[in-house]
Amino acid sequence: MTSPFGKSLAFPPRVGANGRMLWSEGEDNIRESIAIILKTMQRERVQLPGFGANLGGYLFEPNNAGTHARIARDIEVALGQWEPRIALDDVAVAPDAGNAVVTISYRLVASGAAESIAVAVPLGAQ
């Protein structure tokens, strides 16, 4: 029986002890997929120019409420479009030294289980 969460090559790609590429499945596969979406700039993939959240574009932006709102919106749009296995509950952005810390709360569509991840987005000065 196949997992409702999917299966794909592990990210980052790595080789197991048997010399074969490692695979990722279940909740780990979804977390890895979210990381790929968040780390990808739009127009970076030739065949999918709209793929990604564009978070790298905020590097020199000020660490303020306006930037935080734009980051949250970009994450909501990207995950809503590219990761159908989750339902977003909240995207909270808070300032930290040189970063915006984003906490993404979501539910797995197949099981309803609640999950959350946190990522740091490098920004300019306050």
N, C-alpha and C. Protein backbone atom coordinates (compact mmCIF):
# COMPACT_ATOMS: atom_id res chain seq x y z
N MET A 1 0.83 -1.18 0.00
CA MET A 1 0.00 0.00 0.00
C MET A 1 0.88 1.25 0.00
N THR A 2 0.55 2.22 -0.80
CA THR A 2 1.35 3.43 -0.87
C THR A 2 0.92 4.41 0.22
N SER A 3 1.85 5.22 0.66
CA SER A 3 1.60 6.20 1.71
C SER A 3 0.80 7.37 1.13
N PRO A 4 -0.18 7.88 1.87
CA PRO A 4 -0.93 9.06 1.39
C PRO A 4 -0.08 10.32 1.42
N PHE A 5 1.08 10.24 2.06
CA PHE A 5 1.97 11.40 2.17
C PHE A 5 2.97 11.49 1.04
N GLY A 6 3.13 10.44 0.26
CA GLY A 6 4.04 10.47 -0.88
C GLY A 6 5.42 9.93 -0.56
N LYS A 7 6.20 9.79 -1.61
CA LYS A 7 7.56 9.28 -1.52
C LYS A 7 8.37 9.90 -2.65
N SER A 8 9.58 10.33 -2.34
CA SER A 8 10.47 10.88 -3.37
C SER A 8 11.91 10.79 -2.87
N LEU A 9 12.84 11.19 -3.71
CA LEU A 9 14.24 11.20 -3.30
C LEU A 9 14.39 12.11 -2.09
N ALA A 10 15.25 11.72 -1.15
CA ALA A 10 15.48 12.51 0.06
C ALA A 10 16.12 13.84 -0.31
N PHE A 11 15.85 14.84 0.52
CA PHE A 11 16.45 16.16 0.33
C PHE A 11 17.13 16.56 1.63
N PRO A 12 18.39 16.95 1.59
CA PRO A 12 19.23 16.99 0.41
C PRO A 12 19.56 15.58 -0.08
N PRO A 13 19.82 15.45 -1.37
CA PRO A 13 20.11 14.13 -1.92
C PRO A 13 21.32 13.51 -1.22
N ARG A 14 21.21 12.23 -0.88
CA ARG A 14 22.31 11.53 -0.23
C ARG A 14 22.25 10.05 -0.58
N VAL A 15 23.38 9.38 -0.37
CA VAL A 15 23.53 7.97 -0.72
C VAL A 15 23.57 7.16 0.57
N GLY A 16 22.85 6.05 0.59
CA GLY A 16 22.81 5.16 1.75
C GLY A 16 24.02 4.24 1.79
N ALA A 17 24.08 3.43 2.84
CA ALA A 17 25.20 2.50 3.03
C ALA A 17 25.28 1.47 1.91
N ASN A 18 24.15 1.21 1.25
CA ASN A 18 24.14 0.23 0.15
C ASN A 18 24.55 0.83 -1.19
N GLY A 19 24.89 2.12 -1.19
CA GLY A 19 25.32 2.78 -2.42
C GLY A 19 24.19 3.32 -3.27
N ARG A 20 22.97 3.21 -2.79
CA ARG A 20 21.81 3.70 -3.54
C ARG A 20 21.33 5.02 -2.95
N MET A 21 20.63 5.76 -3.78
CA MET A 21 20.05 7.03 -3.33
C MET A 21 19.01 6.75 -2.25
N LEU A 22 18.97 7.60 -1.23
CA LEU A 22 17.98 7.44 -0.17
C LEU A 22 16.66 8.07 -0.57
N TRP A 23 15.59 7.47 -0.10
CA TRP A 23 14.25 7.96 -0.38
C TRP A 23 13.65 8.52 0.89
N SER A 24 12.71 9.40 0.73
CA SER A 24 12.01 10.03 1.83
C SER A 24 10.53 9.74 1.66
N GLU A 25 9.83 9.44 2.77
CA GLU A 25 8.40 9.23 2.67
C GLU A 25 7.72 9.66 3.97
N GLY A 26 6.42 9.74 3.93
CA GLY A 26 5.65 10.11 5.11
C GLY A 26 5.79 11.58 5.45
N GLU A 27 5.71 11.88 6.74
CA GLU A 27 5.79 13.26 7.21
C GLU A 27 7.13 13.89 6.87
N ASP A 28 8.20 13.09 6.87
CA ASP A 28 9.52 13.62 6.50
C ASP A 28 9.52 14.14 5.07
N ASN A 29 8.84 13.42 4.18
CA ASN A 29 8.77 13.84 2.79
C ASN A 29 8.07 15.19 2.66
N ILE A 30 7.03 15.40 3.45
CA ILE A 30 6.31 16.67 3.41
C ILE A 30 7.19 17.80 3.95
N ARG A 31 7.90 17.55 5.06
CA ARG A 31 8.80 18.59 5.61
C ARG A 31 9.89 18.94 4.61
N GLU A 32 10.44 17.94 3.93
CA GLU A 32 11.47 18.19 2.93
C GLU A 32 10.91 18.97 1.75
N SER A 33 9.70 18.66 1.35
CA SER A 33 9.05 19.39 0.26
C SER A 33 8.83 20.86 0.63
N ILE A 34 8.40 21.11 1.86
CA ILE A 34 8.23 22.49 2.33
C ILE A 34 9.56 23.22 2.28
N ALA A 35 10.64 22.57 2.74
CA ALA A 35 11.96 23.19 2.71
C ALA A 35 12.39 23.53 1.28
N ILE A 36 12.13 22.64 0.35
CA ILE A 36 12.48 22.90 -1.05
C ILE A 36 11.72 24.12 -1.58
N ILE A 37 10.43 24.19 -1.29
CA ILE A 37 9.61 25.31 -1.76
C ILE A 37 10.13 26.62 -1.17
N LEU A 38 10.44 26.62 0.13
CA LEU A 38 10.88 27.85 0.79
C LEU A 38 12.26 28.30 0.35
N LYS A 39 13.13 27.37 -0.01
CA LYS A 39 14.49 27.71 -0.40
C LYS A 39 14.65 28.05 -1.87
N THR A 40 13.60 27.89 -2.66
CA THR A 40 13.69 28.10 -4.10
C THR A 40 13.20 29.49 -4.48
N MET A 41 13.98 30.18 -5.30
CA MET A 41 13.58 31.48 -5.84
C MET A 41 12.75 31.24 -7.10
N GLN A 42 11.73 32.04 -7.31
CA GLN A 42 10.95 31.93 -8.54
C GLN A 42 11.87 32.23 -9.73
N ARG A 43 11.56 31.60 -10.84
CA ARG A 43 12.34 31.66 -12.08
C ARG A 43 13.67 30.91 -11.99
N GLU A 44 13.92 30.23 -10.87
CA GLU A 44 15.13 29.44 -10.71
C GLU A 44 15.02 28.13 -11.48
N ARG A 45 13.83 27.59 -11.58
CA ARG A 45 13.59 26.34 -12.30
C ARG A 45 13.02 26.67 -13.67
N VAL A 46 13.73 26.26 -14.70
CA VAL A 46 13.36 26.61 -16.07
C VAL A 46 11.96 26.10 -16.43
N GLN A 47 11.64 24.87 -16.08
CA GLN A 47 10.36 24.29 -16.45
C GLN A 47 9.21 24.71 -15.52
N LEU A 48 9.54 25.25 -14.34
CA LEU A 48 8.52 25.71 -13.38
C LEU A 48 8.91 27.11 -12.88
N PRO A 49 8.81 28.13 -13.71
CA PRO A 49 9.29 29.45 -13.31
C PRO A 49 8.52 30.06 -12.13
N GLY A 50 7.32 29.62 -11.85
CA GLY A 50 6.55 30.16 -10.73
C GLY A 50 6.76 29.42 -9.43
N PHE A 51 7.58 28.35 -9.45
CA PHE A 51 7.82 27.54 -8.26
C PHE A 51 8.72 28.27 -7.28
N GLY A 52 8.40 28.22 -6.00
CA GLY A 52 9.26 28.77 -4.96
C GLY A 52 8.59 29.89 -4.20
N ALA A 53 9.22 30.28 -3.09
CA ALA A 53 8.66 31.31 -2.21
C ALA A 53 9.41 32.63 -2.27
N ASN A 54 10.54 32.69 -2.97
CA ASN A 54 11.30 33.94 -3.13
C ASN A 54 11.86 34.50 -1.84
N LEU A 55 12.10 33.69 -0.84
CA LEU A 55 12.57 34.22 0.45
C LEU A 55 13.98 34.80 0.38
N GLY A 56 14.79 34.34 -0.56
CA GLY A 56 16.13 34.90 -0.72
C GLY A 56 16.12 36.36 -1.17
N GLY A 57 15.01 36.81 -1.74
CA GLY A 57 14.89 38.18 -2.19
C GLY A 57 14.73 39.19 -1.06
N TYR A 58 14.59 38.72 0.17
CA TYR A 58 14.42 39.61 1.31
C TYR A 58 15.73 39.94 2.03
N LEU A 59 16.84 39.49 1.50
CA LEU A 59 18.13 39.61 2.18
C LEU A 59 18.45 41.03 2.63
N PHE A 60 18.17 42.03 1.81
CA PHE A 60 18.53 43.40 2.16
C PHE A 60 17.33 44.24 2.57
N GLU A 61 16.21 43.58 2.88
CA GLU A 61 15.02 44.30 3.32
C GLU A 61 15.11 44.59 4.81
N PRO A 62 14.43 45.64 5.27
CA PRO A 62 14.44 45.95 6.71
C PRO A 62 13.67 44.91 7.50
N ASN A 63 14.08 44.72 8.74
CA ASN A 63 13.44 43.74 9.63
C ASN A 63 12.30 44.43 10.36
N ASN A 64 11.20 44.68 9.63
CA ASN A 64 10.06 45.39 10.23
C ASN A 64 8.75 44.69 9.88
N ALA A 65 7.66 45.23 10.41
CA ALA A 65 6.35 44.59 10.25
C ALA A 65 5.92 44.48 8.79
N GLY A 66 6.24 45.48 7.97
CA GLY A 66 5.87 45.43 6.55
C GLY A 66 6.55 44.28 5.83
N THR A 67 7.84 44.11 6.07
CA THR A 67 8.58 43.00 5.47
C THR A 67 8.05 41.67 5.98
N HIS A 68 7.76 41.60 7.27
CA HIS A 68 7.23 40.35 7.85
C HIS A 68 5.91 39.97 7.20
N ALA A 69 5.05 40.95 6.95
CA ALA A 69 3.76 40.67 6.30
C ALA A 69 3.96 40.14 4.88
N ARG A 70 4.91 40.71 4.15
CA ARG A 70 5.18 40.25 2.78
C ARG A 70 5.77 38.83 2.78
N ILE A 71 6.64 38.54 3.75
CA ILE A 71 7.20 37.19 3.88
C ILE A 71 6.09 36.19 4.14
N ALA A 72 5.21 36.51 5.09
CA ALA A 72 4.10 35.60 5.42
C ALA A 72 3.21 35.37 4.21
N ARG A 73 2.91 36.43 3.46
CA ARG A 73 2.07 36.29 2.27
C ARG A 73 2.74 35.41 1.22
N ASP A 74 4.03 35.63 0.98
CA ASP A 74 4.75 34.82 -0.02
C ASP A 74 4.76 33.33 0.37
N ILE A 75 4.93 33.06 1.65
CA ILE A 75 4.94 31.67 2.12
C ILE A 75 3.55 31.05 1.96
N GLU A 76 2.52 31.78 2.34
CA GLU A 76 1.15 31.27 2.22
C GLU A 76 0.81 30.96 0.77
N VAL A 77 1.17 31.86 -0.14
CA VAL A 77 0.87 31.66 -1.56
C VAL A 77 1.65 30.46 -2.11
N ALA A 78 2.95 30.40 -1.82
CA ALA A 78 3.79 29.32 -2.36
C ALA A 78 3.35 27.95 -1.83
N LEU A 79 3.13 27.84 -0.53
CA LEU A 79 2.73 26.55 0.02
C LEU A 79 1.32 26.18 -0.42
N GLY A 80 0.44 27.17 -0.53
CA GLY A 80 -0.91 26.90 -1.00
C GLY A 80 -0.92 26.38 -2.43
N GLN A 81 0.00 26.88 -3.24
CA GLN A 81 0.05 26.47 -4.64
C GLN A 81 0.81 25.16 -4.84
N TRP A 82 1.92 24.96 -4.12
CA TRP A 82 2.82 23.87 -4.45
C TRP A 82 2.82 22.70 -3.48
N GLU A 83 2.13 22.79 -2.35
CA GLU A 83 2.11 21.66 -1.41
C GLU A 83 0.67 21.34 -1.00
N PRO A 84 -0.03 20.55 -1.85
CA PRO A 84 -1.44 20.25 -1.58
C PRO A 84 -1.65 19.25 -0.43
N ARG A 85 -0.59 18.65 0.09
CA ARG A 85 -0.75 17.67 1.16
C ARG A 85 -0.89 18.30 2.54
N ILE A 86 -0.81 19.65 2.59
CA ILE A 86 -0.98 20.34 3.88
C ILE A 86 -2.06 21.39 3.78
N ALA A 87 -2.63 21.73 4.93
CA ALA A 87 -3.56 22.85 5.07
C ALA A 87 -2.93 23.81 6.08
N LEU A 88 -2.61 25.02 5.65
CA LEU A 88 -1.97 25.99 6.53
C LEU A 88 -2.93 26.46 7.61
N ASP A 89 -2.44 26.51 8.83
CA ASP A 89 -3.21 27.07 9.94
C ASP A 89 -2.74 28.49 10.23
N ASP A 90 -1.39 28.69 10.23
CA ASP A 90 -0.85 30.01 10.57
C ASP A 90 0.57 30.13 10.05
N VAL A 91 0.93 31.35 9.66
CA VAL A 91 2.30 31.69 9.33
C VAL A 91 2.63 32.92 10.16
N ALA A 92 3.43 32.73 11.22
CA ALA A 92 3.78 33.81 12.14
C ALA A 92 5.23 34.21 11.89
N VAL A 93 5.48 35.51 11.79
CA VAL A 93 6.83 36.02 11.55
C VAL A 93 7.21 36.95 12.69
N ALA A 94 8.38 36.70 13.29
CA ALA A 94 8.87 37.52 14.40
C ALA A 94 10.30 37.95 14.13
N PRO A 95 10.69 39.15 14.59
CA PRO A 95 12.07 39.61 14.37
C PRO A 95 13.05 38.90 15.29
N ASP A 96 14.26 38.75 14.81
CA ASP A 96 15.38 38.23 15.59
C ASP A 96 16.61 38.97 15.08
N ALA A 97 17.72 38.81 15.70
CA ALA A 97 18.93 39.53 15.30
C ALA A 97 19.32 39.21 13.86
N GLY A 98 19.03 40.12 12.94
CA GLY A 98 19.39 39.94 11.54
C GLY A 98 18.52 38.97 10.77
N ASN A 99 17.51 38.43 11.39
CA ASN A 99 16.64 37.45 10.75
C ASN A 99 15.18 37.74 11.06
N ALA A 100 14.33 37.16 10.27
CA ALA A 100 12.91 37.04 10.61
C ALA A 100 12.70 35.56 10.86
N VAL A 101 12.18 35.21 12.02
CA VAL A 101 11.91 33.80 12.33
C VAL A 101 10.46 33.52 11.98
N VAL A 102 10.27 32.58 11.07
CA VAL A 102 8.94 32.23 10.58
C VAL A 102 8.54 30.88 11.18
N THR A 103 7.38 30.86 11.83
CA THR A 103 6.82 29.62 12.35
C THR A 103 5.59 29.28 11.51
N ILE A 104 5.64 28.13 10.85
CA ILE A 104 4.57 27.70 9.96
C ILE A 104 3.83 26.55 10.65
N SER A 105 2.55 26.77 10.94
CA SER A 105 1.70 25.74 11.54
C SER A 105 0.76 25.21 10.47
N TYR A 106 0.67 23.90 10.38
CA TYR A 106 -0.16 23.29 9.34
C TYR A 106 -0.70 21.96 9.81
N ARG A 107 -1.67 21.45 9.07
CA ARG A 107 -2.24 20.14 9.31
C ARG A 107 -2.00 19.28 8.07
N LEU A 108 -1.74 18.01 8.29
CA LEU A 108 -1.60 17.07 7.19
C LEU A 108 -3.00 16.73 6.69
N VAL A 109 -3.26 16.92 5.41
CA VAL A 109 -4.59 16.70 4.85
C VAL A 109 -5.02 15.25 5.02
N ALA A 110 -4.12 14.31 4.82
CA ALA A 110 -4.49 12.89 4.86
C ALA A 110 -4.85 12.40 6.25
N SER A 111 -4.25 12.97 7.29
CA SER A 111 -4.49 12.46 8.64
C SER A 111 -5.06 13.50 9.60
N GLY A 112 -4.94 14.77 9.27
CA GLY A 112 -5.39 15.83 10.16
C GLY A 112 -4.41 16.13 11.28
N ALA A 113 -3.26 15.47 11.30
CA ALA A 113 -2.26 15.70 12.35
C ALA A 113 -1.67 17.10 12.23
N ALA A 114 -1.52 17.77 13.38
CA ALA A 114 -0.95 19.12 13.41
C ALA A 114 0.56 19.04 13.45
N GLU A 115 1.20 19.89 12.66
CA GLU A 115 2.66 19.96 12.59
C GLU A 115 3.06 21.43 12.56
N SER A 116 4.31 21.71 12.86
CA SER A 116 4.85 23.07 12.69
C SER A 116 6.33 22.99 12.45
N ILE A 117 6.83 23.97 11.72
CA ILE A 117 8.26 24.10 11.49
C ILE A 117 8.63 25.57 11.63
N ALA A 118 9.87 25.83 11.94
CA ALA A 118 10.37 27.20 12.05
C ALA A 118 11.57 27.35 11.13
N VAL A 119 11.64 28.47 10.44
CA VAL A 119 12.76 28.78 9.55
C VAL A 119 13.20 30.22 9.79
N ALA A 120 14.48 30.46 9.59
CA ALA A 120 15.00 31.82 9.71
C ALA A 120 15.22 32.39 8.32
N VAL A 121 14.73 33.60 8.10
CA VAL A 121 14.92 34.29 6.84
C VAL A 121 15.87 35.45 7.09
N PRO A 122 17.10 35.42 6.51
CA PRO A 122 18.05 36.51 6.74
C PRO A 122 17.52 37.83 6.16
N LEU A 123 17.64 38.89 6.95
CA LEU A 123 17.19 40.21 6.55
C LEU A 123 18.28 41.24 6.82
N GLY A 124 18.03 42.48 6.38
CA GLY A 124 18.93 43.58 6.68
C GLY A 124 18.74 44.06 8.10
N ALA A 125 19.26 45.23 8.39
CA ALA A 125 19.19 45.80 9.73
C ALA A 125 17.78 46.21 10.08
N GLN A 126 17.51 46.37 11.38
CA GLN A 126 16.20 46.79 11.91
C GLN A 126 15.81 48.15 11.38
